[in-house]
């Protein structure tokens, strides 16, 4: 879970810091998972850290509020996003494999028609 990136982030957190974990895509399709961070139990205690998993559905009751706030942030430029569009439904299997291998930057999407609304 996280490997080198989690290792680096944990040792740079402030006392009382919190992080959330949502999915482990880097571990979905690997026979040899990366080794986890070392010294984790002691670090969690000394810095009083908390790691908490979540699924977006846990907050479905706040979706309208989130949609409005996110749309506002996109509109005013304070939230930027990237979209990685793959052309054609026939490329969906390769696109999914690429997603699981970390080949995309941003949200990976499949354009199934020439409609310019994407």
PDB file of N, CA and C in Angstrom:
ATOM      1  N   UNK A   1       0.831  -1.179   0.000  1.00  0.00           N
ATOM      2  CA  UNK A   1       0.000   0.000   0.000  1.00  0.00           C
ATOM      3  C   UNK A   1       0.870   1.235   0.000  1.00  0.00           C
ATOM      4  N   UNK A   2       1.082   1.861  -1.134  1.00  0.00           N
ATOM      5  CA  UNK A   2       1.789   3.119  -1.192  1.00  0.00           C
ATOM      6  C   UNK A   2       3.275   3.021  -1.452  1.00  0.00           C
ATOM      7  N   UNK A   3       3.927   2.002  -0.945  1.00  0.00           N
ATOM      8  CA  UNK A   3       5.351   1.818  -1.182  1.00  0.00           C
ATOM      9  C   UNK A   3       6.180   3.049  -0.861  1.00  0.00           C
ATOM     10  N   UNK A   4       7.072   3.414  -1.784  1.00  0.00           N
ATOM     11  CA  UNK A   4       8.008   4.518  -1.570  1.00  0.00           C
ATOM     12  C   UNK A   4       7.306   5.857  -1.377  1.00  0.00           C
ATOM     13  N   UNK A   5       6.202   6.084  -2.074  1.00  0.00           N
ATOM     14  CA  UNK A   5       5.491   7.363  -1.958  1.00  0.00           C
ATOM     15  C   UNK A   5       4.898   7.501  -0.560  1.00  0.00           C
ATOM     16  N   UNK A   6       4.239   6.449  -0.082  1.00  0.00           N
ATOM     17  CA  UNK A   6       3.690   6.495   1.276  1.00  0.00           C
ATOM     18  C   UNK A   6       4.808   6.663   2.289  1.00  0.00           C
ATOM     19  N   UNK A   7       5.896   5.976   2.088  1.00  0.00           N
ATOM     20  CA  UNK A   7       7.046   6.086   2.977  1.00  0.00           C
ATOM     21  C   UNK A   7       7.503   7.544   3.080  1.00  0.00           C
ATOM     22  N   UNK A   8       7.658   8.192   1.948  1.00  0.00           N
ATOM     23  CA  UNK A   8       8.116   9.584   1.932  1.00  0.00           C
ATOM     24  C   UNK A   8       7.082  10.507   2.587  1.00  0.00           C
ATOM     25  N   UNK A   9       5.805  10.305   2.275  1.00  0.00           N
ATOM     26  CA  UNK A   9       4.760  11.177   2.820  1.00  0.00           C
ATOM     27  C   UNK A   9       4.647  11.049   4.334  1.00  0.00           C
ATOM     28  N   UNK A  10       4.693   9.842   4.852  1.00  0.00           N
ATOM     29  CA  UNK A  10       4.533   9.633   6.293  1.00  0.00           C
ATOM     30  C   UNK A  10       5.593  10.368   7.099  1.00  0.00           C
ATOM     31  N   UNK A  11       6.806  10.342   6.640  1.00  0.00           N
ATOM     32  CA  UNK A  11       7.889  10.955   7.399  1.00  0.00           C
ATOM     33  C   UNK A  11       7.942  12.473   7.226  1.00  0.00           C
ATOM     34  N   UNK A  12       7.048  13.022   6.403  1.00  0.00           N
ATOM     35  CA  UNK A  12       6.970  14.475   6.236  1.00  0.00           C
ATOM     36  C   UNK A  12       5.692  15.065   6.835  1.00  0.00           C
ATOM     37  N   UNK A  13       4.881  14.211   7.456  1.00  0.00           N
ATOM     38  CA  UNK A  13       3.629  14.682   8.047  1.00  0.00           C
ATOM     39  C   UNK A  13       3.883  15.401   9.367  1.00  0.00           C
ATOM     40  N   UNK A  14       3.007  16.350   9.666  1.00  0.00           N
ATOM     41  CA  UNK A  14       3.072  17.072  10.933  1.00  0.00           C
ATOM     42  C   UNK A  14       2.477  16.236  12.056  1.00  0.00           C
ATOM     43  N   UNK A  15       2.826  16.578  13.278  1.00  0.00           N
ATOM     44  CA  UNK A  15       2.230  15.913  14.432  1.00  0.00           C
ATOM     45  C   UNK A  15       0.723  16.111  14.382  1.00  0.00           C
ATOM     46  N   UNK A  16      -0.020  15.035  14.607  1.00  0.00           N
ATOM     47  CA  UNK A  16      -1.477  15.096  14.557  1.00  0.00           C
ATOM     48  C   UNK A  16      -2.044  15.066  13.153  1.00  0.00           C
ATOM     49  N   UNK A  17      -1.180  14.901  12.143  1.00  0.00           N
ATOM     50  CA  UNK A  17      -1.635  14.894  10.752  1.00  0.00           C
ATOM     51  C   UNK A  17      -2.553  13.722  10.462  1.00  0.00           C
ATOM     52  N   UNK A  18      -3.334  13.856   9.403  1.00  0.00           N
ATOM     53  CA  UNK A  18      -4.242  12.788   8.986  1.00  0.00           C
ATOM     54  C   UNK A  18      -4.099  12.575   7.487  1.00  0.00           C
ATOM     55  N   UNK A  19      -4.320  11.374   7.059  1.00  0.00           N
ATOM     56  CA  UNK A  19      -4.368  11.072   5.630  1.00  0.00           C
ATOM     57  C   UNK A  19      -5.501  10.098   5.412  1.00  0.00           C
ATOM     58  N   UNK A  20      -6.034  10.103   4.220  1.00  0.00           N
ATOM     59  CA  UNK A  20      -7.079   9.144   3.875  1.00  0.00           C
ATOM     60  C   UNK A  20      -6.538   8.218   2.802  1.00  0.00           C
ATOM     61  N   UNK A  21      -7.041   7.010   2.792  1.00  0.00           N
ATOM     62  CA  UNK A  21      -6.637   6.022   1.799  1.00  0.00           C
ATOM     63  C   UNK A  21      -7.888   5.581   1.058  1.00  0.00           C
ATOM     64  N   UNK A  22      -7.836   5.647  -0.252  1.00  0.00           N
ATOM     65  CA  UNK A  22      -8.992   5.275  -1.062  1.00  0.00           C
ATOM     66  C   UNK A  22      -8.501   4.403  -2.212  1.00  0.00           C
ATOM     67  N   UNK A  23      -8.569   3.096  -2.032  1.00  0.00           N
ATOM     68  CA  UNK A  23      -8.135   2.182  -3.078  1.00  0.00           C
ATOM     69  C   UNK A  23      -6.645   1.922  -3.030  1.00  0.00           C
ATOM     70  N   UNK A  24      -6.258   0.884  -3.704  1.00  0.00           N
ATOM     71  CA  UNK A  24      -4.845   0.493  -3.777  1.00  0.00           C
ATOM     72  C   UNK A  24      -4.554   0.026  -5.194  1.00  0.00           C
ATOM     73  N   UNK A  25      -4.828   0.906  -6.170  1.00  0.00           N
ATOM     74  CA  UNK A  25      -4.743   0.515  -7.568  1.00  0.00           C
ATOM     75  C   UNK A  25      -3.362  -0.031  -7.932  1.00  0.00           C
ATOM     76  N   UNK A  26      -2.320   0.434  -7.268  1.00  0.00           N
ATOM     77  CA  UNK A  26      -0.978  -0.045  -7.596  1.00  0.00           C
ATOM     78  C   UNK A  26      -0.786  -1.513  -7.230  1.00  0.00           C
ATOM     79  N   UNK A  27      -1.684  -2.056  -6.420  1.00  0.00           N
ATOM     80  CA  UNK A  27      -1.544  -3.442  -5.977  1.00  0.00           C
ATOM     81  C   UNK A  27      -2.555  -4.385  -6.612  1.00  0.00           C
ATOM     82  N   UNK A  28      -3.438  -3.881  -7.474  1.00  0.00           N
ATOM     83  CA  UNK A  28      -4.494  -4.706  -8.038  1.00  0.00           C
ATOM     84  C   UNK A  28      -3.967  -5.834  -8.914  1.00  0.00           C
ATOM     85  N   UNK A  29      -2.943  -5.584  -9.680  1.00  0.00           N
ATOM     86  CA  UNK A  29      -2.536  -6.543 -10.703  1.00  0.00           C
ATOM     87  C   UNK A  29      -1.038  -6.823 -10.614  1.00  0.00           C
ATOM     88  N   UNK A  30      -0.593  -7.189  -9.424  1.00  0.00           N
ATOM     89  CA  UNK A  30       0.828  -7.474  -9.278  1.00  0.00           C
ATOM     90  C   UNK A  30       1.044  -8.735  -8.454  1.00  0.00           C
ATOM     91  N   UNK A  31       1.977  -9.535  -8.893  1.00  0.00           N
ATOM     92  CA  UNK A  31       2.326 -10.741  -8.143  1.00  0.00           C
ATOM     93  C   UNK A  31       3.378 -10.428  -7.087  1.00  0.00           C
ATOM     94  N   UNK A  32       4.055  -9.299  -7.217  1.00  0.00           N
ATOM     95  CA  UNK A  32       5.105  -8.914  -6.271  1.00  0.00           C
ATOM     96  C   UNK A  32       4.855  -7.498  -5.758  1.00  0.00           C
ATOM     97  N   UNK A  33       4.017  -7.360  -4.732  1.00  0.00           N
ATOM     98  CA  UNK A  33       3.742  -6.029  -4.205  1.00  0.00           C
ATOM     99  C   UNK A  33       4.997  -5.371  -3.654  1.00  0.00           C
ATOM    100  N   UNK A  34       5.050  -4.058  -3.801  1.00  0.00           N
ATOM    101  CA  UNK A  34       6.186  -3.306  -3.273  1.00  0.00           C
ATOM    102  C   UNK A  34       6.201  -3.415  -1.755  1.00  0.00           C
ATOM    103  N   UNK A  35       7.376  -3.427  -1.158  1.00  0.00           N
ATOM    104  CA  UNK A  35       7.424  -3.493   0.303  1.00  0.00           C
ATOM    105  C   UNK A  35       6.837  -2.228   0.910  1.00  0.00           C
ATOM    106  N   UNK A  36       6.165  -2.369   2.021  1.00  0.00           N
ATOM    107  CA  UNK A  36       5.543  -1.224   2.682  1.00  0.00           C
ATOM    108  C   UNK A  36       6.555  -0.405   3.452  1.00  0.00           C
ATOM    109  N   UNK A  37       6.081   0.677   4.050  1.00  0.00           N
ATOM    110  CA  UNK A  37       6.978   1.547   4.815  1.00  0.00           C
ATOM    111  C   UNK A  37       7.526   0.834   6.050  1.00  0.00           C
ATOM    112  N   UNK A  38       8.738   1.166   6.417  1.00  0.00           N
ATOM    113  CA  UNK A  38       9.313   0.570   7.619  1.00  0.00           C
ATOM    114  C   UNK A  38       9.113   1.513   8.794  1.00  0.00           C
ATOM    115  N   UNK A  39       9.071   0.988   9.989  1.00  0.00           N
ATOM    116  CA  UNK A  39       8.919   1.803  11.188  1.00  0.00           C
ATOM    117  C   UNK A  39       7.535   2.396  11.357  1.00  0.00           C
ATOM    118  N   UNK A  40       6.552   1.871  10.658  1.00  0.00           N
ATOM    119  CA  UNK A  40       5.223   2.458  10.666  1.00  0.00           C
ATOM    120  C   UNK A  40       4.555   2.467  12.040  1.00  0.00           C
ATOM    121  N   UNK A  41       4.521   1.369  12.775  1.00  0.00           N
ATOM    122  CA  UNK A  41       3.809   1.424  14.063  1.00  0.00           C
ATOM    123  C   UNK A  41       4.337   2.504  15.011  1.00  0.00           C
ATOM    124  N   UNK A  42       5.637   2.614  15.145  1.00  0.00           N
ATOM    125  CA  UNK A  42       6.202   3.630  16.028  1.00  0.00           C
ATOM    126  C   UNK A  42       5.896   5.035  15.549  1.00  0.00           C
ATOM    127  N   UNK A  43       5.969   5.254  14.254  1.00  0.00           N
ATOM    128  CA  UNK A  43       5.687   6.563  13.685  1.00  0.00           C
ATOM    129  C   UNK A  43       4.241   6.980  13.938  1.00  0.00           C
ATOM    130  N   UNK A  44       3.308   6.046  13.765  1.00  0.00           N
ATOM    131  CA  UNK A  44       1.900   6.347  14.009  1.00  0.00           C
ATOM    132  C   UNK A  44       1.670   6.783  15.451  1.00  0.00           C
ATOM    133  N   UNK A  45       2.320   6.109  16.389  1.00  0.00           N
ATOM    134  CA  UNK A  45       2.143   6.440  17.802  1.00  0.00           C
ATOM    135  C   UNK A  45       2.802   7.773  18.137  1.00  0.00           C
ATOM    136  N   UNK A  46       4.052   7.951  17.784  1.00  0.00           N
ATOM    137  CA  UNK A  46       4.801   9.155  18.150  1.00  0.00           C
ATOM    138  C   UNK A  46       4.171  10.414  17.559  1.00  0.00           C
ATOM    139  N   UNK A  47       3.729  10.343  16.316  1.00  0.00           N
ATOM    140  CA  UNK A  47       3.150  11.530  15.668  1.00  0.00           C
ATOM    141  C   UNK A  47       1.625  11.573  15.757  1.00  0.00           C
ATOM    142  N   UNK A  48       1.049  10.588  16.448  1.00  0.00           N
ATOM    143  CA  UNK A  48      -0.399  10.509  16.618  1.00  0.00           C
ATOM    144  C   UNK A  48      -1.132  10.617  15.280  1.00  0.00           C
ATOM    145  N   UNK A  49      -0.665   9.854  14.318  1.00  0.00           N
ATOM    146  CA  UNK A  49      -1.228   9.873  12.971  1.00  0.00           C
ATOM    147  C   UNK A  49      -2.420   8.934  12.877  1.00  0.00           C
ATOM    148  N   UNK A  50      -3.258   9.199  11.911  1.00  0.00           N
ATOM    149  CA  UNK A  50      -4.407   8.341  11.671  1.00  0.00           C
ATOM    150  C   UNK A  50      -4.534   8.134  10.168  1.00  0.00           C
ATOM    151  N   UNK A  51      -4.669   6.908   9.747  1.00  0.00           N
ATOM    152  CA  UNK A  51      -4.947   6.592   8.351  1.00  0.00           C
ATOM    153  C   UNK A  51      -6.356   6.025   8.310  1.00  0.00           C
ATOM    154  N   UNK A  52      -7.159   6.538   7.396  1.00  0.00           N
ATOM    155  CA  UNK A  52      -8.555   6.127   7.366  1.00  0.00           C
ATOM    156  C   UNK A  52      -8.979   5.849   5.937  1.00  0.00           C
ATOM    157  N   UNK A  53      -9.491   4.683   5.714  1.00  0.00           N
ATOM    158  CA  UNK A  53     -10.002   4.338   4.394  1.00  0.00           C
ATOM    159  C   UNK A  53     -11.423   4.857   4.215  1.00  0.00           C
ATOM    160  N   UNK A  54     -11.811   5.077   2.980  1.00  0.00           N
ATOM    161  CA  UNK A  54     -13.180   5.485   2.699  1.00  0.00           C
ATOM    162  C   UNK A  54     -13.570   5.073   1.295  1.00  0.00           C
ATOM    163  N   UNK A  55     -14.848   5.037   1.080  1.00  0.00           N
ATOM    164  CA  UNK A  55     -15.426   4.830  -0.243  1.00  0.00           C
ATOM    165  C   UNK A  55     -16.329   6.029  -0.476  1.00  0.00           C
ATOM    166  N   UNK A  56     -16.305   6.582  -1.646  1.00  0.00           N
ATOM    167  CA  UNK A  56     -17.052   7.810  -1.924  1.00  0.00           C
ATOM    168  C   UNK A  56     -18.528   7.674  -1.550  1.00  0.00           C
ATOM    169  N   UNK A  57     -19.098   6.475  -1.641  1.00  0.00           N
ATOM    170  CA  UNK A  57     -20.501   6.277  -1.280  1.00  0.00           C
ATOM    171  C   UNK A  57     -20.768   6.564   0.200  1.00  0.00           C
ATOM    172  N   UNK A  58     -19.738   6.538   1.032  1.00  0.00           N
ATOM    173  CA  UNK A  58     -19.917   6.859   2.448  1.00  0.00           C
ATOM    174  C   UNK A  58     -20.429   8.287   2.632  1.00  0.00           C
ATOM    175  N   UNK A  59     -20.222   9.123   1.631  1.00  0.00           N
ATOM    176  CA  UNK A  59     -20.590  10.541   1.709  1.00  0.00           C
ATOM    177  C   UNK A  59     -21.637  10.912   0.666  1.00  0.00           C
ATOM    178  N   UNK A  60     -22.407   9.931   0.205  1.00  0.00           N
ATOM    179  CA  UNK A  60     -23.400  10.187  -0.830  1.00  0.00           C
ATOM    180  C   UNK A  60     -24.437  11.220  -0.391  1.00  0.00           C
ATOM    181  N   UNK A  61     -24.706  11.299   0.896  1.00  0.00           N
ATOM    182  CA  UNK A  61     -25.673  12.269   1.390  1.00  0.00           C
ATOM    183  C   UNK A  61     -25.184  13.720   1.236  1.00  0.00           C
ATOM    184  N   UNK A  62     -23.911  13.904   0.916  1.00  0.00           N
ATOM    185  CA  UNK A  62     -23.346  15.249   0.723  1.00  0.00           C
ATOM    186  C   UNK A  62     -22.964  15.499  -0.736  1.00  0.00           C
ATOM    187  N   UNK A  63     -23.446  14.649  -1.632  1.00  0.00           N
ATOM    188  CA  UNK A  63     -23.038  14.737  -3.029  1.00  0.00           C
ATOM    189  C   UNK A  63     -23.429  16.059  -3.684  1.00  0.00           C
ATOM    190  N   UNK A  64     -24.654  16.513  -3.469  1.00  0.00           N
ATOM    191  CA  UNK A  64     -25.084  17.766  -4.099  1.00  0.00           C
ATOM    192  C   UNK A  64     -24.205  18.924  -3.644  1.00  0.00           C
ATOM    193  N   UNK A  65     -23.898  18.967  -2.364  1.00  0.00           N
ATOM    194  CA  UNK A  65     -23.019  20.017  -1.830  1.00  0.00           C
ATOM    195  C   UNK A  65     -21.641  19.929  -2.477  1.00  0.00           C
ATOM    196  N   UNK A  66     -21.104  18.709  -2.568  1.00  0.00           N
ATOM    197  CA  UNK A  66     -19.778  18.514  -3.162  1.00  0.00           C
ATOM    198  C   UNK A  66     -19.777  18.906  -4.633  1.00  0.00           C
ATOM    199  N   UNK A  67     -20.807  18.486  -5.360  1.00  0.00           N
ATOM    200  CA  UNK A  67     -20.878  18.827  -6.785  1.00  0.00           C
ATOM    201  C   UNK A  67     -20.874  20.343  -6.979  1.00  0.00           C
ATOM    202  N   UNK A  68     -21.657  21.046  -6.168  1.00  0.00           N
ATOM    203  CA  UNK A  68     -21.738  22.511  -6.295  1.00  0.00           C
ATOM    204  C   UNK A  68     -20.393  23.160  -5.964  1.00  0.00           C
ATOM    205  N   UNK A  69     -19.767  22.725  -4.881  1.00  0.00           N
ATOM    206  CA  UNK A  69     -18.477  23.308  -4.493  1.00  0.00           C
ATOM    207  C   UNK A  69     -17.397  23.000  -5.521  1.00  0.00           C
ATOM    208  N   UNK A  70     -17.326  21.763  -5.975  1.00  0.00           N
ATOM    209  CA  UNK A  70     -16.320  21.389  -6.967  1.00  0.00           C
ATOM    210  C   UNK A  70     -16.513  22.148  -8.268  1.00  0.00           C
ATOM    211  N   UNK A  71     -17.766  22.262  -8.729  1.00  0.00           N
ATOM    212  CA  UNK A  71     -18.046  23.002  -9.971  1.00  0.00           C
ATOM    213  C   UNK A  71     -17.614  24.458  -9.827  1.00  0.00           C
ATOM    214  N   UNK A  72     -17.858  25.042  -8.661  1.00  0.00           N
ATOM    215  CA  UNK A  72     -17.435  26.426  -8.419  1.00  0.00           C
ATOM    216  C   UNK A  72     -15.929  26.572  -8.465  1.00  0.00           C
ATOM    217  N   UNK A  73     -15.232  25.621  -7.873  1.00  0.00           N
ATOM    218  CA  UNK A  73     -13.766  25.675  -7.862  1.00  0.00           C
ATOM    219  C   UNK A  73     -13.186  25.494  -9.268  1.00  0.00           C
ATOM    220  N   UNK A  74     -13.817  24.628 -10.067  1.00  0.00           N
ATOM    221  CA  UNK A  74     -13.371  24.469 -11.450  1.00  0.00           C
ATOM    222  C   UNK A  74     -13.622  25.772 -12.204  1.00  0.00           C
ATOM    223  N   UNK A  75     -14.804  26.360 -12.017  1.00  0.00           N
ATOM    224  CA  UNK A  75     -15.160  27.594 -12.721  1.00  0.00           C
ATOM    225  C   UNK A  75     -14.232  28.747 -12.368  1.00  0.00           C
ATOM    226  N   UNK A  76     -13.838  28.856 -11.091  1.00  0.00           N
ATOM    227  CA  UNK A  76     -12.976  29.988 -10.705  1.00  0.00           C
ATOM    228  C   UNK A  76     -11.487  29.687 -10.872  1.00  0.00           C
ATOM    229  N   UNK A  77     -11.170  28.472 -11.328  1.00  0.00           N
ATOM    230  CA  UNK A  77      -9.776  28.127 -11.609  1.00  0.00           C
ATOM    231  C   UNK A  77      -8.976  27.638 -10.424  1.00  0.00           C
ATOM    232  N   UNK A  78      -9.603  27.541  -9.244  1.00  0.00           N
ATOM    233  CA  UNK A  78      -8.845  27.077  -8.082  1.00  0.00           C
ATOM    234  C   UNK A  78      -8.697  25.558  -8.047  1.00  0.00           C
ATOM    235  N   UNK A  79      -9.475  24.842  -8.854  1.00  0.00           N
ATOM    236  CA  UNK A  79      -9.333  23.392  -8.984  1.00  0.00           C
ATOM    237  C   UNK A  79      -9.116  23.079 -10.450  1.00  0.00           C
ATOM    238  N   UNK A  80      -8.012  22.438 -10.740  1.00  0.00           N
ATOM    239  CA  UNK A  80      -7.689  22.059 -12.112  1.00  0.00           C
ATOM    240  C   UNK A  80      -7.708  20.532 -12.195  1.00  0.00           C
ATOM    241  N   UNK A  81      -8.031  20.023 -13.342  1.00  0.00           N
ATOM    242  CA  UNK A  81      -8.099  18.579 -13.514  1.00  0.00           C
ATOM    243  C   UNK A  81      -7.517  18.187 -14.863  1.00  0.00           C
ATOM    244  N   UNK A  82      -7.159  16.925 -14.964  1.00  0.00           N
ATOM    245  CA  UNK A  82      -6.656  16.376 -16.218  1.00  0.00           C
ATOM    246  C   UNK A  82      -7.536  15.207 -16.622  1.00  0.00           C
ATOM    247  N   UNK A  83      -7.760  15.088 -17.914  1.00  0.00           N
ATOM    248  CA  UNK A  83      -8.543  13.991 -18.457  1.00  0.00           C
ATOM    249  C   UNK A  83      -7.689  13.272 -19.495  1.00  0.00           C
ATOM    250  N   UNK A  84      -7.659  11.965 -19.418  1.00  0.00           N
ATOM    251  CA  UNK A  84      -6.915  11.120 -20.348  1.00  0.00           C
ATOM    252  C   UNK A  84      -7.946  10.362 -21.176  1.00  0.00           C
ATOM    253  N   UNK A  85      -8.207  10.822 -22.397  1.00  0.00           N
ATOM    254  CA  UNK A  85      -9.268  10.246 -23.225  1.00  0.00           C
ATOM    255  C   UNK A  85      -8.682   9.250 -24.220  1.00  0.00           C
ATOM    256  N   UNK A  86      -9.234   8.059 -24.208  1.00  0.00           N
ATOM    257  CA  UNK A  86      -8.886   7.015 -25.173  1.00  0.00           C
ATOM    258  C   UNK A  86     -10.023   6.964 -26.183  1.00  0.00           C
ATOM    259  N   UNK A  87      -9.677   7.021 -27.460  1.00  0.00           N
ATOM    260  CA  UNK A  87     -10.682   7.052 -28.524  1.00  0.00           C
ATOM    261  C   UNK A  87     -11.134   5.646 -28.889  1.00  0.00           C
ATOM    262  N   UNK A  88     -12.450   5.389 -28.835  1.00  0.00           N
ATOM    263  CA  UNK A  88     -13.030   4.154 -29.340  1.00  0.00           C
ATOM    264  C   UNK A  88     -13.243   3.076 -28.299  1.00  0.00           C
ATOM    265  N   UNK A  89     -14.461   2.571 -28.255  1.00  0.00           N
ATOM    266  CA  UNK A  89     -14.814   1.498 -27.322  1.00  0.00           C
ATOM    267  C   UNK A  89     -13.958   0.252 -27.545  1.00  0.00           C
ATOM    268  N   UNK A  90     -13.519   0.043 -28.767  1.00  0.00           N
ATOM    269  CA  UNK A  90     -12.690  -1.137 -29.063  1.00  0.00           C
ATOM    270  C   UNK A  90     -11.354  -1.100 -28.304  1.00  0.00           C
ATOM    271  N   UNK A  91     -10.956   0.084 -27.820  1.00  0.00           N
ATOM    272  CA  UNK A  91      -9.699   0.208 -27.069  1.00  0.00           C
ATOM    273  C   UNK A  91      -9.905   0.122 -25.557  1.00  0.00           C
ATOM    274  N   UNK A  92     -11.130  -0.132 -25.119  1.00  0.00           N
ATOM    275  CA  UNK A  92     -11.422  -0.167 -23.680  1.00  0.00           C
ATOM    276  C   UNK A  92     -10.599  -1.208 -22.916  1.00  0.00           C
ATOM    277  N   UNK A  93     -10.474  -2.441 -23.406  1.00  0.00           N
ATOM    278  CA  UNK A  93      -9.671  -3.409 -22.635  1.00  0.00           C
ATOM    279  C   UNK A  93      -8.222  -2.948 -22.437  1.00  0.00           C
ATOM    280  N   UNK A  94      -7.604  -2.454 -23.503  1.00  0.00           N
ATOM    281  CA  UNK A  94      -6.223  -1.966 -23.388  1.00  0.00           C
ATOM    282  C   UNK A  94      -6.151  -0.750 -22.465  1.00  0.00           C
ATOM    283  N   UNK A  95      -7.182   0.105 -22.526  1.00  0.00           N
ATOM    284  CA  UNK A  95      -7.216   1.295 -21.666  1.00  0.00           C
ATOM    285  C   UNK A  95      -7.310   0.899 -20.192  1.00  0.00           C
ATOM    286  N   UNK A  96      -8.106  -0.109 -19.879  1.00  0.00           N
ATOM    287  CA  UNK A  96      -8.233  -0.575 -18.501  1.00  0.00           C
ATOM    288  C   UNK A  96      -6.917  -1.162 -18.008  1.00  0.00           C
ATOM    289  N   UNK A  97      -6.288  -1.968 -18.838  1.00  0.00           N
ATOM    290  CA  UNK A  97      -4.988  -2.536 -18.456  1.00  0.00           C
ATOM    291  C   UNK A  97      -3.980  -1.421 -18.221  1.00  0.00           C
ATOM    292  N   UNK A  98      -3.969  -0.427 -19.092  1.00  0.00           N
ATOM    293  CA  UNK A  98      -3.074   0.719 -18.916  1.00  0.00           C
ATOM    294  C   UNK A  98      -3.358   1.477 -17.634  1.00  0.00           C
ATOM    295  N   UNK A  99      -4.643   1.636 -17.318  1.00  0.00           N
ATOM    296  CA  UNK A  99      -5.030   2.303 -16.070  1.00  0.00           C
ATOM    297  C   UNK A  99      -4.453   1.565 -14.869  1.00  0.00           C
ATOM    298  N   UNK A 100      -4.602   0.258 -14.857  1.00  0.00           N
ATOM    299  CA  UNK A 100      -4.098  -0.549 -13.732  1.00  0.00           C
ATOM    300  C   UNK A 100      -2.578  -0.549 -13.653  1.00  0.00           C
ATOM    301  N   UNK A 101      -1.922  -0.241 -14.768  1.00  0.00           N
ATOM    302  CA  UNK A 101      -0.463  -0.163 -14.788  1.00  0.00           C
ATOM    303  C   UNK A 101       0.042   1.268 -14.589  1.00  0.00           C
ATOM    304  N   UNK A 102      -0.879   2.204 -14.373  1.00  0.00           N
ATOM    305  CA  UNK A 102      -0.488   3.584 -14.107  1.00  0.00           C
ATOM    306  C   UNK A 102      -0.053   4.374 -15.318  1.00  0.00           C
ATOM    307  N   UNK A 103      -0.521   4.001 -16.501  1.00  0.00           N
ATOM    308  CA  UNK A 103      -0.107   4.688 -17.728  1.00  0.00           C
ATOM    309  C   UNK A 103      -0.800   6.029 -17.933  1.00  0.00           C
ATOM    310  N   UNK A 104      -1.890   6.278 -17.217  1.00  0.00           N
ATOM    311  CA  UNK A 104      -2.656   7.502 -17.453  1.00  0.00           C
ATOM    312  C   UNK A 104      -2.215   8.622 -16.512  1.00  0.00           C
ATOM    313  N   UNK A 105      -2.548   9.853 -16.933  1.00  0.00           N
ATOM    314  CA  UNK A 105      -2.425  11.029 -16.085  1.00  0.00           C
ATOM    315  C   UNK A 105      -3.814  11.626 -16.014  1.00  0.00           C
ATOM    316  N   UNK A 106      -4.381  11.728 -14.847  1.00  0.00           N
ATOM    317  CA  UNK A 106      -5.734  12.240 -14.694  1.00  0.00           C
ATOM    318  C   UNK A 106      -6.756  11.129 -14.823  1.00  0.00           C
ATOM    319  N   UNK A 107      -8.007  11.526 -14.992  1.00  0.00           N
ATOM    320  CA  UNK A 107      -9.122  10.584 -15.100  1.00  0.00           C
ATOM    321  C   UNK A 107      -9.101   9.940 -16.471  1.00  0.00           C
ATOM    322  N   UNK A 108      -8.999   8.631 -16.525  1.00  0.00           N
ATOM    323  CA  UNK A 108      -9.016   7.916 -17.811  1.00  0.00           C
ATOM    324  C   UNK A 108     -10.456   7.708 -18.241  1.00  0.00           C
ATOM    325  N   UNK A 109     -10.733   8.079 -19.486  1.00  0.00           N
ATOM    326  CA  UNK A 109     -12.078   7.958 -20.039  1.00  0.00           C
ATOM    327  C   UNK A 109     -11.995   7.343 -21.431  1.00  0.00           C
ATOM    328  N   UNK A 110     -13.078   6.703 -21.836  1.00  0.00           N
ATOM    329  CA  UNK A 110     -13.180   6.128 -23.182  1.00  0.00           C
ATOM    330  C   UNK A 110     -14.229   6.928 -23.940  1.00  0.00           C
ATOM    331  N   UNK A 111     -13.845   7.501 -25.081  1.00  0.00           N
ATOM    332  CA  UNK A 111     -14.811   8.183 -25.937  1.00  0.00           C
ATOM    333  C   UNK A 111     -15.362   7.131 -26.889  1.00  0.00           C
ATOM    334  N   UNK A 112     -16.690   6.880 -26.784  1.00  0.00           N
ATOM    335  CA  UNK A 112     -17.296   5.812 -27.580  1.00  0.00           C
ATOM    336  C   UNK A 112     -17.904   6.333 -28.875  1.00  0.00           C
ATOM    337  N   UNK A 113     -17.993   7.661 -29.045  1.00  0.00           N
ATOM    338  CA  UNK A 113     -18.504   8.226 -30.289  1.00  0.00           C
ATOM    339  C   UNK A 113     -17.783   9.539 -30.568  1.00  0.00           C
ATOM    340  N   UNK A 114     -18.078  10.134 -31.704  1.00  0.00           N
ATOM    341  CA  UNK A 114     -17.457  11.385 -32.086  1.00  0.00           C
ATOM    342  C   UNK A 114     -18.100  12.604 -31.452  1.00  0.00           C
ATOM    343  N   UNK A 115     -19.024  12.410 -30.530  1.00  0.00           N
ATOM    344  CA  UNK A 115     -19.712  13.511 -29.867  1.00  0.00           C
ATOM    345  C   UNK A 115     -18.710  14.375 -29.140  1.00  0.00           C
ATOM    346  N   UNK A 116     -18.720  15.680 -29.381  1.00  0.00           N
ATOM    347  CA  UNK A 116     -17.710  16.594 -28.837  1.00  0.00           C
ATOM    348  C   UNK A 116     -17.987  17.020 -27.406  1.00  0.00           C
ATOM    349  N   UNK A 117     -18.994  16.482 -26.737  1.00  0.00           N
ATOM    350  CA  UNK A 117     -19.317  16.908 -25.370  1.00  0.00           C
ATOM    351  C   UNK A 117     -18.327  16.410 -24.347  1.00  0.00           C
ATOM    352  N   UNK A 118     -17.458  15.486 -24.664  1.00  0.00           N
ATOM    353  CA  UNK A 118     -16.504  14.946 -23.688  1.00  0.00           C
ATOM    354  C   UNK A 118     -15.510  16.004 -23.335  1.00  0.00           C
TER     355      UNK A 118
END
